[in-house]
Amino acid sequence: MSGVAAVVVNHNTRAHLRACLASLPRGLPAVVVDNASTDGSPEMVRAEFPEALLLADGTNPGYGAAANRGVRACAAEHVLVLNSDTRLEPGAPEALRAYLDAHPRAAVAGPRLLNPDGSPQASCFPFPGTLAWFLENDPVAPLAARVPGLRDRLLCASPPRRATAVPWVLGAALAVRRSAFEAVGGFDEGYFMYFEEVDLCRRLASAGWETHFVPEARVAHVGAASTSQVRASMAVQHFRSTLRFYRRHYRGPRLAFWLGTMRAKMLFRLLRDGAASRVARSGRRGALREDAAAWRRAILETGR
């Protein structure tokens, strides 16, 4: 398939990776970047998908670094970057390639994401640090969704029915235009996990490019297949990446406001989980204490 290639980033999700690679259409060049998996993922790729280029990294430099390496390893102008827990529905790569060809200012095209049962999954979002972002996140989102006329303006609650420009699309599956991607330096490898795609779309927008949501292309996404294995540490990583994004893109009172909002949210979670751990059953108590410790670490980090 000319003009487009797939890059799949994997870490210890062998079964999901197998299903992802099996969903790629015949003839689509594929690069698998494996970040120090210990579950036999590289061996499975070599044995079952010998046509794919395997780049096995003995370390785990993070998602953005792995994706950058994969993009550099292929020659296509349009590259479909995928989490290993995605499954392409028929026609998805062709639809994204054709869309980018037809819209020269679009640097990123994101498909409609679906849950494994076929129900819609949130795929596009406003930028963090904006009023729209505030309205679409807990604890405000459930209230905002009940306001007449406002729900239809929320990307998460009412995603566009037709292809259109949006602030950013979820990085589980997105097609990037190589020329634009390389012009802004690709993914910022300072993000180990989370916010790589948000930061990329923000930098592309600053450079005059656009990000588009293309619901005609459909991709199933399990979600958290790798990160759920280390849930508490990934929660800290999420706040760490949020902090990096805010400090990179905002200054002055705006930065102070959003950092304060982050700390308030983490303090609430610390108090909630700490209190719950004291009355929970023994099987649940350990997880709640682990969560509370994670929020405590994150609060200390945001104060640095």
Protein backbone atom coordinates (compact mmCIF):
# COMPACT_ATOMS: atom_id res chain seq x y z
CA MET A 1 0.00 0.00 0.00
CA SER A 2 1.79 3.10 -1.23
CA GLY A 3 1.94 6.35 0.66
CA VAL A 4 1.24 5.05 4.17
CA ALA A 5 2.96 2.81 6.73
CA ALA A 6 2.12 1.68 10.27
CA VAL A 7 4.25 2.08 13.40
CA VAL A 8 3.14 0.03 16.41
CA VAL A 9 4.63 0.72 19.86
CA ASN A 10 4.53 -2.20 22.30
CA HIS A 11 5.44 -2.98 25.89
CA ASN A 12 4.45 -6.36 27.32
CA THR A 13 1.14 -6.74 25.47
CA ARG A 14 1.88 -9.75 23.27
CA ALA A 15 -1.72 -10.91 22.74
CA HIS A 16 -2.93 -7.41 21.90
CA LEU A 17 0.05 -6.85 19.60
CA ARG A 18 -0.72 -10.05 17.72
CA ALA A 19 -4.33 -8.95 17.15
CA CYS A 20 -3.22 -5.46 16.11
CA LEU A 21 -0.76 -6.74 13.52
CA ALA A 22 -3.32 -9.25 12.24
CA SER A 23 -5.75 -6.37 11.63
CA LEU A 24 -3.34 -4.51 9.33
CA PRO A 25 -4.28 -4.84 5.66
CA ARG A 26 -2.06 -6.96 3.46
CA GLY A 27 0.71 -4.90 1.86
CA LEU A 28 0.77 -2.18 4.52
CA PRO A 29 4.42 -1.73 5.63
CA ALA A 30 4.66 -2.15 9.40
CA VAL A 31 7.31 -1.28 11.98
CA VAL A 32 7.02 -2.69 15.51
CA VAL A 33 8.99 -0.83 18.16
CA ASP A 34 9.20 -2.96 21.29
CA ASN A 35 10.17 -1.25 24.54
CA ALA A 36 11.94 -3.89 26.63
CA SER A 37 9.10 -6.43 26.69
CA THR A 38 9.66 -9.55 28.78
CA ASP A 39 6.49 -11.41 27.71
CA GLY A 40 7.80 -12.84 24.44
CA SER A 41 6.45 -10.07 22.23
CA PRO A 42 9.59 -9.76 20.05
CA GLU A 43 9.77 -13.53 19.55
CA MET A 44 6.10 -13.61 18.55
CA VAL A 45 6.62 -10.88 15.94
CA ARG A 46 9.63 -12.66 14.45
CA ALA A 47 7.79 -15.97 14.26
CA GLU A 48 4.31 -14.86 13.16
CA PHE A 49 4.85 -11.55 11.33
CA PRO A 50 8.27 -11.82 9.65
CA GLU A 51 7.27 -9.17 7.10
CA ALA A 52 7.16 -6.52 9.84
CA LEU A 53 10.34 -4.62 10.72
CA LEU A 54 11.03 -5.25 14.40
CA LEU A 55 13.01 -2.70 16.42
CA ALA A 56 13.52 -4.22 19.85
CA ASP A 57 14.88 -1.79 22.43
CA GLY A 58 16.48 -3.33 25.51
CA THR A 59 15.45 -0.28 27.49
CA ASN A 60 12.13 1.52 27.72
CA PRO A 61 12.69 5.13 26.63
CA GLY A 62 8.97 5.90 26.59
CA TYR A 63 6.20 6.04 24.03
CA GLY A 64 7.24 9.20 22.19
CA ALA A 65 10.84 8.11 21.76
CA ALA A 66 9.71 4.72 20.44
CA ALA A 67 7.25 6.29 18.00
CA ASN A 68 9.93 8.67 16.72
CA ARG A 69 12.25 5.75 16.11
CA GLY A 70 9.54 3.91 14.20
CA VAL A 71 8.71 6.89 12.01
CA ARG A 72 12.39 7.34 11.15
CA ALA A 73 12.59 3.67 10.14
CA CYS A 74 9.93 3.85 7.44
CA ALA A 75 9.81 5.86 4.23
CA ALA A 76 6.09 6.61 3.75
CA GLU A 77 4.91 10.23 3.69
CA HIS A 78 1.94 9.37 5.93
CA VAL A 79 2.54 7.22 9.01
CA LEU A 80 -0.17 5.59 11.10
CA VAL A 81 1.10 5.51 14.70
CA LEU A 82 -0.69 2.88 16.78
CA ASN A 83 -0.87 1.58 20.31
CA SER A 84 -0.48 -2.18 20.41
CA ASP A 85 -4.01 -2.57 21.83
CA THR A 86 -5.73 -1.23 18.72
CA ARG A 87 -7.47 -3.09 15.89
CA LEU A 88 -7.95 -1.46 12.51
CA GLU A 89 -11.36 -1.80 10.93
CA PRO A 90 -11.39 -2.38 7.14
CA GLY A 91 -10.48 0.70 5.14
CA ALA A 92 -9.12 2.77 8.04
CA PRO A 93 -5.55 3.28 6.72
CA GLU A 94 -6.78 4.09 3.22
CA ALA A 95 -9.33 6.60 4.55
CA LEU A 96 -6.75 8.42 6.67
CA ARG A 97 -4.21 8.49 3.84
CA ALA A 98 -6.78 9.82 1.38
CA TYR A 99 -7.93 12.45 3.87
CA LEU A 100 -4.41 13.77 4.41
CA ASP A 101 -3.85 13.82 0.65
CA ALA A 102 -7.01 15.89 0.21
CA HIS A 103 -6.32 18.32 3.08
CA PRO A 104 -2.79 19.73 2.70
CA ARG A 105 -2.95 21.80 5.95
CA ALA A 106 -3.81 18.75 8.04
CA ALA A 107 -0.72 17.39 9.77
CA VAL A 108 -2.58 14.83 11.90
CA ALA A 109 -5.71 12.81 11.14
CA GLY A 110 -7.30 10.83 13.96
CA PRO A 111 -9.90 8.07 13.42
CA ARG A 112 -13.05 7.41 15.40
CA LEU A 113 -12.05 5.16 18.30
CA LEU A 114 -14.35 2.39 19.44
CA ASN A 115 -14.46 0.30 22.59
CA PRO A 116 -14.09 -3.47 22.10
CA ASP A 117 -17.90 -3.82 22.24
CA GLY A 118 -18.28 -1.34 19.38
CA SER A 119 -19.49 1.59 21.46
CA PRO A 120 -17.87 4.99 20.77
CA GLN A 121 -14.79 6.04 22.71
CA ALA A 122 -13.75 9.65 23.27
CA SER A 123 -11.35 10.47 20.43
CA CYS A 124 -10.85 14.25 20.27
CA PHE A 125 -10.48 16.91 22.94
CA PRO A 126 -9.87 20.60 23.66
CA PHE A 127 -6.39 21.65 24.72
CA PRO A 128 -5.58 21.43 28.44
CA GLY A 129 -5.38 24.79 30.14
CA THR A 130 -8.49 26.17 28.43
CA LEU A 131 -12.07 26.79 29.56
CA ALA A 132 -13.27 24.01 27.28
CA TRP A 133 -10.83 21.60 28.94
CA PHE A 134 -12.07 22.66 32.38
CA LEU A 135 -15.68 22.00 31.37
CA GLU A 136 -14.91 18.54 29.97
CA ASN A 137 -13.06 17.14 32.99
CA ASP A 138 -14.12 15.96 36.43
CA PRO A 139 -15.71 17.21 38.57
CA VAL A 140 -17.25 19.80 36.24
CA ALA A 141 -17.96 17.58 33.20
CA PRO A 142 -21.05 15.76 34.56
CA LEU A 143 -22.64 19.11 35.43
CA ALA A 144 -21.69 20.81 32.16
CA ALA A 145 -23.18 17.93 30.16
CA ARG A 146 -26.59 18.67 31.73
CA VAL A 147 -26.67 22.33 30.72
CA PRO A 148 -29.03 22.83 27.73
CA GLY A 149 -27.08 23.85 24.64
CA LEU A 150 -23.70 23.29 26.28
CA ARG A 151 -23.55 19.51 25.86
CA ASP A 152 -23.54 19.87 22.07
CA ARG A 153 -20.41 22.03 22.33
CA LEU A 154 -18.42 19.47 24.36
CA LEU A 155 -16.12 17.37 22.19
CA CYS A 156 -16.14 14.44 24.61
CA ALA A 157 -19.93 14.38 25.00
CA SER A 158 -20.79 15.18 21.37
CA PRO A 159 -17.91 14.34 19.01
CA PRO A 160 -18.24 15.68 15.46
CA ARG A 161 -20.26 13.55 13.09
CA ARG A 162 -18.25 14.72 10.09
CA ALA A 163 -14.54 15.17 9.53
CA THR A 164 -13.36 18.50 10.88
CA ALA A 165 -10.45 20.31 12.50
CA VAL A 166 -10.13 19.77 16.28
CA PRO A 167 -7.50 20.78 18.86
CA TRP A 168 -6.06 17.27 19.38
CA VAL A 169 -6.85 13.58 18.90
CA LEU A 170 -6.02 10.65 21.13
CA GLY A 171 -2.62 9.14 20.35
CA ALA A 172 -3.84 5.54 20.48
CA ALA A 173 -4.22 5.80 16.71
CA LEU A 174 -3.33 8.76 14.55
CA ALA A 175 -1.96 9.34 11.07
CA VAL A 176 0.80 11.95 10.78
CA ARG A 177 2.11 13.78 7.75
CA ARG A 178 5.86 13.14 7.80
CA SER A 179 6.88 16.57 6.49
CA ALA A 180 4.93 18.37 9.24
CA PHE A 181 5.96 15.84 11.89
CA GLU A 182 9.64 16.27 11.11
CA ALA A 183 9.32 20.07 10.81
CA VAL A 184 8.37 20.34 14.51
CA GLY A 185 10.80 17.66 15.70
CA GLY A 186 8.35 14.79 16.13
CA PHE A 187 7.16 13.75 19.56
CA ASP A 188 8.85 15.44 22.51
CA GLU A 189 10.81 12.58 24.08
CA GLY A 190 10.73 14.36 27.44
CA TYR A 191 7.26 12.87 27.91
CA PHE A 192 7.79 9.29 29.01
CA MET A 193 4.09 8.47 28.80
CA TYR A 194 0.94 10.58 28.22
CA PHE A 195 0.55 14.01 26.61
CA GLU A 196 2.94 13.26 23.73
CA GLU A 197 0.13 13.68 21.22
CA VAL A 198 -1.32 16.72 23.01
CA ASP A 199 2.04 18.48 22.92
CA LEU A 200 2.62 17.46 19.28
CA CYS A 201 -0.75 18.85 18.14
CA ARG A 202 -0.16 22.04 20.12
CA ARG A 203 3.26 22.61 18.51
CA LEU A 204 1.86 21.81 15.07
CA ALA A 205 -0.93 24.36 15.61
CA SER A 206 1.63 26.98 16.61
CA ALA A 207 3.48 26.24 13.35
CA GLY A 208 0.32 26.76 11.27
CA TRP A 209 -0.72 23.12 10.82
CA GLU A 210 -4.07 21.53 11.69
CA THR A 211 -5.26 18.37 13.45
CA HIS A 212 -8.40 16.72 12.06
CA PHE A 213 -10.86 14.14 13.37
CA VAL A 214 -11.94 11.69 10.65
CA PRO A 215 -14.87 9.59 11.92
CA GLU A 216 -15.14 7.65 8.64
CA ALA A 217 -11.96 5.81 9.67
CA ARG A 218 -12.64 3.49 12.60
CA VAL A 219 -10.23 1.81 15.00
CA ALA A 220 -11.08 -0.36 18.02
CA HIS A 221 -9.06 0.45 21.15
CA VAL A 222 -8.90 -1.65 24.30
CA GLY A 223 -7.22 1.06 26.38
CA ALA A 224 -4.64 0.88 29.21
CA ALA A 225 -3.44 -2.58 28.15
CA SER A 226 0.14 -1.77 29.11
CA THR A 227 -0.26 1.01 31.69
CA SER A 228 -2.76 -0.94 33.80
CA GLN A 229 0.08 -3.29 34.72
CA VAL A 230 1.66 -0.48 36.77
CA ARG A 231 -1.45 1.57 37.51
CA ALA A 232 -0.28 3.69 40.45
CA SER A 233 3.05 4.69 38.93
CA MET A 234 1.30 5.58 35.67
CA ALA A 235 -1.08 7.84 37.59
CA VAL A 236 1.94 9.76 38.85
CA GLN A 237 3.37 9.78 35.33
CA HIS A 238 0.15 11.28 33.99
CA PHE A 239 0.37 14.22 36.39
CA ARG A 240 4.09 14.55 35.65
CA SER A 241 3.37 14.85 31.93
CA THR A 242 0.53 17.30 32.59
CA LEU A 243 2.95 19.43 34.57
CA ARG A 244 5.48 19.37 31.72
CA PHE A 245 2.81 20.44 29.23
CA TYR A 246 1.61 23.37 31.35
CA ARG A 247 5.13 24.61 32.05
CA ARG A 248 6.10 24.34 28.41
CA HIS A 249 3.11 26.17 26.96
CA TYR A 250 1.87 28.59 29.63
CA ARG A 251 3.30 31.39 31.75
CA GLY A 252 2.32 33.76 34.55
CA PRO A 253 -1.17 33.71 36.11
CA ARG A 254 -2.46 31.15 33.62
CA LEU A 255 0.26 28.68 34.58
CA ALA A 256 -0.28 29.35 38.29
CA PHE A 257 -4.03 28.75 37.97
CA TRP A 258 -3.69 25.39 36.25
CA LEU A 259 -0.94 24.19 38.56
CA GLY A 260 -3.17 25.12 41.49
CA THR A 261 -6.03 23.20 39.92
CA MET A 262 -3.79 20.14 39.55
CA ARG A 263 -2.71 20.27 43.18
CA ALA A 264 -6.30 20.65 44.38
CA LYS A 265 -7.38 17.61 42.36
CA MET A 266 -4.51 15.50 43.70
CA LEU A 267 -5.17 16.63 47.28
CA PHE A 268 -8.81 15.62 46.91
CA ARG A 269 -7.79 12.18 45.65
CA LEU A 270 -5.25 11.77 48.43
CA LEU A 271 -7.85 12.56 51.10
CA ARG A 272 -10.49 10.40 49.41
CA ASP A 273 -8.33 7.31 48.99
CA GLY A 274 -6.64 7.73 52.36
CA ALA A 275 -10.01 7.82 54.11
CA ALA A 276 -11.37 4.92 52.06
CA SER A 277 -8.33 2.76 52.89
CA ARG A 278 -9.16 2.95 56.59
CA VAL A 279 -12.59 1.37 56.14
CA ALA A 280 -12.02 -0.84 53.10
CA ARG A 281 -11.82 -4.62 53.20
CA SER A 282 -8.35 -6.10 53.34
CA GLY A 283 -8.34 -7.06 49.66
CA ARG A 284 -9.01 -3.48 48.59
CA ARG A 285 -7.05 -1.69 51.30
CA GLY A 286 -3.62 -2.22 49.74
CA ALA A 287 -4.63 -0.76 46.38
CA LEU A 288 -6.14 2.32 48.02
CA ARG A 289 -3.01 2.91 50.07
CA GLU A 290 -0.92 2.55 46.94
CA ASP A 291 -3.11 5.12 45.20
CA ALA A 292 -2.87 7.53 48.13
CA ALA A 293 0.92 7.21 48.11
CA ALA A 294 0.90 7.98 44.37
CA TRP A 295 -1.13 11.18 44.90
CA ARG A 296 1.23 12.21 47.70
CA ARG A 297 4.24 11.79 45.38
CA ALA A 298 2.53 13.77 42.64
CA ILE A 299 1.70 16.66 45.01
CA LEU A 300 5.31 16.87 46.10
CA GLU A 301 6.49 16.88 42.48
CA THR A 302 4.17 19.69 41.40
CA GLY A 303 5.56 21.84 44.20
CA ARG A 304 9.11 21.66 42.89
